[in-house]
Amino acid sequence: MATPKCLRPLLAPSKQLKISPSHRICLPRTPGFARMKSSRAMNNRDTRSKNPGQGLEDGSLSLDERLAKMGIDPRDYRAMEKSVRRAEREDERLEPKTKEEMEEQLRIMRQQPDHNMLLHTWKKVGIEPIKLAKERGISIPGEDNTPLDPETQKALDELRAPVNVQAIHLRPFRRTPEYGVPVCDLQLRTYSIRNLLLFADFAVRAAYYMGLCARGPVPLPRITERWTVPRANFVFKKSQENFERVTMRRLIQIQDGHPDVVKAWLAFLQKHQYHGVGMKANIWEYEGLEAATRAGYEIEEGDYSRRREGPMMEKVEEILNRKGFKEAMEGHKSEAELRF
């Protein structure tokens, strides 16, 4: 197929052309364009004198006026200037002028062994003062290990912290159970491990001082919860955000404990509960075989003889009915104040 005539010049083989460098033509230098001042700039010439910074550089203002414009109190400036001049005069006075003055200052510095400048001076010369002092048996400040007299040492040994204060820095004490029967399982939950460890240690120490046998704290598996929430609706469904919450747990078990003491221990922990730590307790109570013989009896109100805490309630009733207690509570008429 023949090439159209209109495309033949474009598809034809190109001719070799010789490109020669052009000669540099030097033109006369012409001045640049200068912007003429507008009439507005000419009219604003009078307003330049209102510049607040004018007068600070050319020295047309006095010292007080210049300080006032910079927001500096002239009295503070003069006091600072006097202090600087006084320090300069003191430096000029102490600077040695002759060789005799320099030797005199060096002699004064040698008479002050605790001066840091003397230490640096000896080191520059090549002498190690600390090593030389140890060789000659000279005591160095801060390293005096002279033993105290027996009376002072004995008085210092007697000054010790109480045992319960020293126990804070040690592991908590524990009591050995006799039978190993569990009576309470306390589970602590939190999102912060530091709060959990602190409160678990506090609970174990409280159990020891209340006479309970505690085991733990035993780490339990973590509870990890995750949620995926869309950031927007409709066409932005793929733009989602993930949230995670990790719950850390510890288990403390009480063995061979009296139910009343266990309840008092839980009440004490609830009163001094640490922030960010939750508690969940499972309590087991055991009754004797004689509990079956108390079944089927009608118990009147105020009759505690057949209950487990019957002797204790009878003692409380006896204290409330005493004459001295009634005289002490004579001015209190509210039932809430009289409630035991």
Protein backbone atom coordinates (compact mmCIF):
# COMPACT_ATOMS: atom_id res chain seq x y z
CA MET A 1 0.00 0.00 0.00
CA ALA A 2 1.40 3.33 -1.04
CA THR A 3 2.00 6.07 1.50
CA PRO A 4 -0.19 9.14 1.09
CA LYS A 5 1.56 12.16 -0.37
CA CYS A 6 0.84 14.22 2.70
CA LEU A 7 2.88 11.82 4.91
CA ARG A 8 5.86 11.30 2.61
CA PRO A 9 7.88 14.28 3.90
CA LEU A 10 7.46 13.01 7.47
CA LEU A 11 8.39 9.37 6.78
CA ALA A 12 11.25 10.15 4.41
CA PRO A 13 14.85 9.66 5.72
CA SER A 14 16.06 12.73 7.51
CA LYS A 15 19.05 14.64 6.23
CA GLN A 16 22.21 15.06 8.28
CA LEU A 17 22.52 18.60 9.48
CA LYS A 18 25.64 20.21 10.91
CA ILE A 19 24.97 22.32 13.91
CA SER A 20 27.58 24.94 14.57
CA PRO A 21 27.79 26.87 17.86
CA SER A 22 26.45 30.33 17.61
CA HIS A 23 28.73 33.25 18.29
CA ARG A 24 28.20 35.05 21.60
CA ILE A 25 26.77 38.43 21.05
CA CYS A 26 27.58 41.02 23.71
CA LEU A 27 24.81 43.48 24.17
CA PRO A 28 25.19 46.71 26.07
CA ARG A 29 24.02 46.48 29.66
CA THR A 30 20.72 48.16 30.18
CA PRO A 31 19.60 49.46 33.52
CA GLY A 32 16.89 47.54 35.32
CA PHE A 33 13.36 48.67 35.67
CA ALA A 34 12.77 50.94 38.67
CA ARG A 35 9.34 51.05 40.24
CA MET A 36 8.09 54.54 40.60
CA LYS A 37 6.66 55.55 43.95
CA SER A 38 2.94 55.81 43.92
CA SER A 39 1.04 58.75 45.21
CA ARG A 40 -0.20 56.62 48.13
CA ALA A 41 3.37 56.01 49.28
CA MET A 42 4.08 59.69 49.08
CA ASN A 43 1.01 60.46 51.15
CA ASN A 44 1.98 57.89 53.83
CA ARG A 45 5.37 59.52 54.38
CA ASP A 46 3.99 61.50 57.30
CA THR A 47 2.60 58.42 59.01
CA ARG A 48 6.05 56.77 59.34
CA SER A 49 6.88 58.97 62.29
CA LYS A 50 4.21 57.11 64.25
CA ASN A 51 6.25 53.88 64.23
CA PRO A 52 6.61 52.71 67.86
CA GLY A 53 10.14 51.41 67.23
CA GLN A 54 11.44 54.71 65.93
CA GLY A 55 14.02 56.31 68.17
CA LEU A 56 15.44 53.06 69.61
CA GLU A 57 18.21 52.77 67.03
CA ASP A 58 19.01 56.38 66.17
CA GLY A 59 19.39 57.40 69.86
CA SER A 60 16.85 60.21 69.76
CA LEU A 61 15.15 58.88 72.94
CA SER A 62 16.56 59.00 76.45
CA LEU A 63 17.56 55.87 78.34
CA ASP A 64 14.42 55.82 80.50
CA GLU A 65 12.16 56.27 77.47
CA ARG A 66 13.94 53.48 75.59
CA LEU A 67 13.62 51.12 78.59
CA ALA A 68 9.93 52.01 78.98
CA LYS A 69 9.30 51.17 75.31
CA MET A 70 11.02 47.78 75.78
CA GLY A 71 8.99 47.06 78.95
CA ILE A 72 11.96 47.15 81.37
CA ASP A 73 11.89 48.87 84.74
CA PRO A 74 14.68 51.51 84.85
CA ARG A 75 15.39 50.77 88.54
CA ASP A 76 15.94 47.06 87.86
CA TYR A 77 18.17 47.90 84.90
CA ARG A 78 20.35 50.24 86.96
CA ALA A 79 20.60 47.71 89.82
CA MET A 80 21.66 44.99 87.39
CA GLU A 81 24.20 47.33 85.76
CA LYS A 82 25.71 48.16 89.15
CA SER A 83 25.98 44.47 90.00
CA VAL A 84 27.77 43.70 86.73
CA ARG A 85 30.21 46.57 87.22
CA ARG A 86 30.89 45.47 90.81
CA ALA A 87 31.67 41.92 89.62
CA GLU A 88 33.99 43.27 86.92
CA ARG A 89 35.86 45.41 89.46
CA GLU A 90 36.20 42.40 91.78
CA ASP A 91 37.64 40.28 88.95
CA GLU A 92 40.10 43.04 88.06
CA ARG A 93 41.16 43.32 91.70
CA LEU A 94 41.75 39.58 92.10
CA GLU A 95 43.63 39.18 88.83
CA PRO A 96 47.36 39.04 89.60
CA LYS A 97 49.41 41.83 88.09
CA THR A 98 52.88 40.60 88.97
CA LYS A 99 54.65 37.33 89.58
CA GLU A 100 54.70 37.93 93.36
CA GLU A 101 50.91 38.32 93.47
CA MET A 102 50.43 35.11 91.49
CA GLU A 103 52.70 33.20 93.89
CA GLU A 104 50.82 34.64 96.85
CA GLN A 105 47.48 33.46 95.44
CA LEU A 106 48.99 30.04 94.79
CA ARG A 107 50.21 29.88 98.39
CA ILE A 108 46.70 30.75 99.66
CA MET A 109 45.17 28.08 97.45
CA ARG A 110 47.58 25.48 98.81
CA GLN A 111 46.43 26.27 102.33
CA GLN A 112 42.86 25.29 101.37
CA PRO A 113 42.97 21.52 100.70
CA ASP A 114 39.21 21.28 100.21
CA HIS A 115 39.19 23.73 97.33
CA ASN A 116 38.39 22.23 93.94
CA MET A 117 40.75 24.59 92.13
CA LEU A 118 43.73 23.18 94.05
CA LEU A 119 42.80 19.64 93.00
CA HIS A 120 42.68 20.62 89.34
CA THR A 121 45.98 22.50 89.69
CA TRP A 122 47.81 19.47 91.08
CA LYS A 123 46.35 17.23 88.38
CA LYS A 124 47.60 19.57 85.67
CA VAL A 125 51.09 19.32 87.13
CA GLY A 126 50.86 15.50 87.11
CA ILE A 127 50.31 14.76 90.79
CA GLU A 128 47.40 12.62 92.00
CA PRO A 129 46.47 14.13 95.40
CA ILE A 130 44.07 11.33 96.41
CA LYS A 131 46.61 8.59 95.66
CA LEU A 132 49.36 10.52 97.46
CA ALA A 133 47.12 11.10 100.50
CA LYS A 134 46.37 7.38 100.77
CA GLU A 135 50.10 6.55 100.60
CA ARG A 136 50.90 9.01 103.39
CA GLY A 137 47.94 7.91 105.53
CA ILE A 138 46.03 11.21 105.31
CA SER A 139 42.27 10.95 105.79
CA ILE A 140 40.18 12.15 102.86
CA PRO A 141 36.91 14.02 103.54
CA GLY A 142 33.95 11.70 102.98
CA GLU A 143 35.94 8.50 103.53
CA ASP A 144 36.42 8.70 107.28
CA ASN A 145 35.64 5.19 108.58
CA THR A 146 36.72 5.84 112.13
CA PRO A 147 34.76 3.47 114.44
CA LEU A 148 32.40 5.07 116.94
CA ASP A 149 32.58 4.58 120.64
CA PRO A 150 30.59 1.59 122.00
CA GLU A 151 27.87 3.69 123.65
CA THR A 152 27.10 5.66 120.48
CA GLN A 153 27.13 2.51 118.36
CA LYS A 154 24.77 0.78 120.78
CA ALA A 155 22.37 3.73 120.71
CA LEU A 156 22.37 3.69 116.90
CA ASP A 157 21.69 -0.05 116.81
CA GLU A 158 18.68 0.37 119.07
CA LEU A 159 17.15 2.93 116.69
CA ARG A 160 15.30 0.60 114.33
CA ALA A 161 11.94 0.67 112.64
CA PRO A 162 9.05 -1.32 114.15
CA VAL A 163 8.61 -4.88 112.99
CA ASN A 164 5.33 -4.15 111.18
CA VAL A 165 7.04 -1.33 109.25
CA GLN A 166 9.94 -3.58 108.30
CA ALA A 167 7.48 -6.23 107.12
CA ILE A 168 6.23 -3.87 104.40
CA HIS A 169 9.49 -4.37 102.51
CA LEU A 170 9.31 -8.17 102.85
CA ARG A 171 6.97 -10.82 101.53
CA PRO A 172 3.69 -11.09 103.47
CA PHE A 173 3.50 -13.58 106.32
CA ARG A 174 1.26 -16.63 105.92
CA ARG A 175 -0.39 -19.09 108.27
CA THR A 176 -0.34 -22.83 107.62
CA PRO A 177 -3.83 -24.37 107.36
CA GLU A 178 -4.62 -27.37 109.51
CA TYR A 179 -7.22 -29.12 107.34
CA GLY A 180 -7.11 -27.16 104.07
CA VAL A 181 -10.89 -26.74 103.78
CA PRO A 182 -11.69 -23.77 101.51
CA VAL A 183 -14.19 -21.31 102.97
CA CYS A 184 -13.81 -18.30 100.64
CA ASP A 185 -12.55 -17.58 97.13
CA LEU A 186 -11.84 -13.91 96.49
CA GLN A 187 -11.33 -12.89 92.88
CA LEU A 188 -9.80 -9.52 92.09
CA ARG A 189 -10.26 -7.95 88.67
CA THR A 190 -8.78 -4.84 87.13
CA TYR A 191 -7.45 -3.27 83.94
CA SER A 192 -4.24 -1.98 85.61
CA ILE A 193 -1.71 -4.55 86.81
CA ARG A 194 -0.04 -2.16 89.29
CA ASN A 195 -3.25 -1.56 91.21
CA LEU A 196 -4.01 -5.28 91.19
CA LEU A 197 -0.64 -6.32 92.64
CA LEU A 198 -0.82 -3.66 95.35
CA PHE A 199 -4.33 -4.58 96.52
CA ALA A 200 -3.63 -8.33 96.36
CA ASP A 201 -0.61 -7.86 98.65
CA PHE A 202 -2.74 -5.75 101.00
CA ALA A 203 -5.46 -8.45 101.14
CA VAL A 204 -2.95 -11.22 101.98
CA ARG A 205 -1.39 -9.15 104.77
CA ALA A 206 -4.81 -8.31 106.21
CA ALA A 207 -5.72 -12.00 106.24
CA TYR A 208 -2.56 -12.85 108.20
CA TYR A 209 -3.18 -10.24 110.88
CA MET A 210 -6.81 -11.41 111.24
CA GLY A 211 -5.72 -15.01 111.81
CA LEU A 212 -6.82 -16.43 108.44
CA CYS A 213 -4.90 -18.91 106.31
CA ALA A 214 -4.61 -17.39 102.81
CA ARG A 215 -3.29 -18.94 99.61
CA GLY A 216 -2.32 -16.89 96.60
CA PRO A 217 -2.61 -14.57 94.87
CA VAL A 218 -2.90 -17.05 92.00
CA PRO A 219 -2.85 -15.55 88.46
CA LEU A 220 -5.93 -16.42 86.43
CA PRO A 221 -6.23 -16.34 82.62
CA ARG A 222 -6.78 -12.92 81.18
CA ILE A 223 -10.10 -11.98 79.66
CA THR A 224 -9.56 -10.28 76.29
CA GLU A 225 -12.52 -8.54 74.65
CA ARG A 226 -12.40 -6.94 71.21
CA TRP A 227 -14.93 -4.82 69.36
CA THR A 228 -14.97 -3.60 65.77
CA VAL A 229 -16.96 -0.42 65.26
CA PRO A 230 -17.57 1.30 61.88
CA ARG A 231 -16.32 4.85 61.87
CA ALA A 232 -19.16 5.95 59.63
CA ASN A 233 -22.21 4.52 57.90
CA PHE A 234 -23.31 3.78 54.37
CA VAL A 235 -20.45 3.79 51.85
CA PHE A 236 -17.79 4.13 54.60
CA LYS A 237 -18.45 0.62 55.91
CA LYS A 238 -14.85 -0.48 55.29
CA SER A 239 -13.47 2.30 57.48
CA GLN A 240 -13.62 0.53 60.85
CA GLU A 241 -11.94 0.93 64.21
CA ASN A 242 -10.89 -1.86 66.60
CA PHE A 243 -11.03 -1.66 70.40
CA GLU A 244 -9.56 -4.09 72.92
CA ARG A 245 -10.01 -4.49 76.66
CA VAL A 246 -7.85 -6.87 78.74
CA THR A 247 -9.07 -7.85 82.22
CA MET A 248 -6.41 -9.19 84.61
CA ARG A 249 -7.42 -11.39 87.55
CA ARG A 250 -5.97 -12.80 90.77
CA LEU A 251 -7.43 -15.43 93.10
CA ILE A 252 -6.98 -15.50 96.90
CA GLN A 253 -8.36 -18.52 98.78
CA ILE A 254 -9.07 -18.61 102.51
CA GLN A 255 -8.87 -22.00 104.21
CA ASP A 256 -10.00 -23.20 107.66
CA GLY A 257 -11.43 -19.80 108.55
CA HIS A 258 -14.39 -18.96 110.74
CA PRO A 259 -17.31 -17.54 108.72
CA ASP A 260 -17.59 -14.47 110.94
CA VAL A 261 -13.89 -13.68 110.60
CA VAL A 262 -14.10 -14.15 106.82
CA LYS A 263 -17.00 -11.70 106.63
CA ALA A 264 -15.07 -9.22 108.74
CA TRP A 265 -12.09 -9.61 106.40
CA LEU A 266 -14.24 -8.96 103.34
CA ALA A 267 -15.83 -5.93 105.02
CA PHE A 268 -12.36 -4.57 105.82
CA LEU A 269 -11.27 -4.99 102.20
CA GLN A 270 -14.45 -3.35 100.96
CA LYS A 271 -13.88 -0.39 103.28
CA HIS A 272 -10.29 0.10 102.08
CA GLN A 273 -10.87 -0.96 98.49
CA TYR A 274 -8.29 0.41 96.04
CA HIS A 275 -9.50 2.37 93.04
CA GLY A 276 -9.75 0.45 89.80
CA VAL A 277 -9.93 -2.98 91.44
CA GLY A 278 -13.16 -5.01 91.58
CA MET A 279 -13.90 -7.90 93.95
CA LYS A 280 -16.08 -11.01 93.74
CA ALA A 281 -16.22 -13.48 96.64
CA ASN A 282 -17.65 -17.01 96.94
CA ILE A 283 -18.25 -18.06 100.56
CA TRP A 284 -18.90 -21.60 101.82
CA GLU A 285 -20.33 -22.28 105.27
CA TYR A 286 -20.36 -25.70 106.92
CA GLU A 287 -22.85 -26.85 109.55
CA GLY A 288 -22.64 -29.76 111.98
CA LEU A 289 -24.96 -32.75 112.12
CA GLU A 290 -26.88 -31.20 115.02
CA ALA A 291 -28.29 -28.65 112.54
CA ALA A 292 -30.74 -31.33 111.36
CA THR A 293 -32.22 -31.58 114.86
CA ARG A 294 -33.14 -27.87 114.76
CA ALA A 295 -35.30 -28.28 111.68
CA GLY A 296 -39.07 -27.95 112.11
CA TYR A 297 -39.03 -25.69 115.19
CA GLU A 298 -40.85 -22.38 115.20
CA ILE A 299 -38.41 -19.62 116.15
CA GLU A 300 -39.88 -16.51 117.67
CA GLU A 301 -38.56 -13.04 116.98
CA GLY A 302 -35.61 -12.28 119.24
CA ASP A 303 -34.87 -15.96 119.98
CA TYR A 304 -31.25 -16.70 119.01
CA SER A 305 -30.74 -19.86 121.03
CA ARG A 306 -30.95 -22.22 118.05
CA ARG A 307 -28.79 -20.13 115.73
CA ARG A 308 -25.07 -20.53 115.25
CA GLU A 309 -24.38 -17.03 116.56
CA GLY A 310 -26.80 -17.49 119.45
CA PRO A 311 -24.24 -17.18 122.31
CA MET A 312 -22.81 -14.01 120.82
CA MET A 313 -26.26 -12.39 120.39
CA GLU A 314 -27.15 -13.26 123.98
CA LYS A 315 -23.99 -11.50 125.15
CA VAL A 316 -24.87 -8.44 123.10
CA GLU A 317 -28.37 -8.41 124.56
CA GLU A 318 -26.90 -8.57 128.03
CA ILE A 319 -24.63 -5.57 127.36
CA LEU A 320 -27.50 -3.52 125.94
CA ASN A 321 -29.67 -4.16 129.02
CA ARG A 322 -27.05 -3.06 131.53
CA LYS A 323 -27.76 -0.03 133.67
CA GLY A 324 -24.53 1.78 132.76
CA PHE A 325 -25.15 1.41 129.05
CA LYS A 326 -28.67 2.79 129.38
CA GLU A 327 -27.43 5.79 131.37
CA ALA A 328 -24.77 6.48 128.73
CA MET A 329 -27.35 6.31 125.90
CA GLU A 330 -30.01 8.28 127.75
CA GLY A 331 -29.77 11.38 125.50
CA HIS A 332 -29.97 9.40 122.25
CA LYS A 333 -33.51 8.75 121.11
CA SER A 334 -32.95 7.86 117.43
CA GLU A 335 -33.35 4.20 116.51
CA ALA A 336 -30.42 4.50 114.09
CA GLU A 337 -28.12 5.62 116.91
CA LEU A 338 -29.31 2.82 119.19
CA ARG A 339 -28.93 0.16 116.49
CA PHE A 340 -26.05 -2.19 117.23
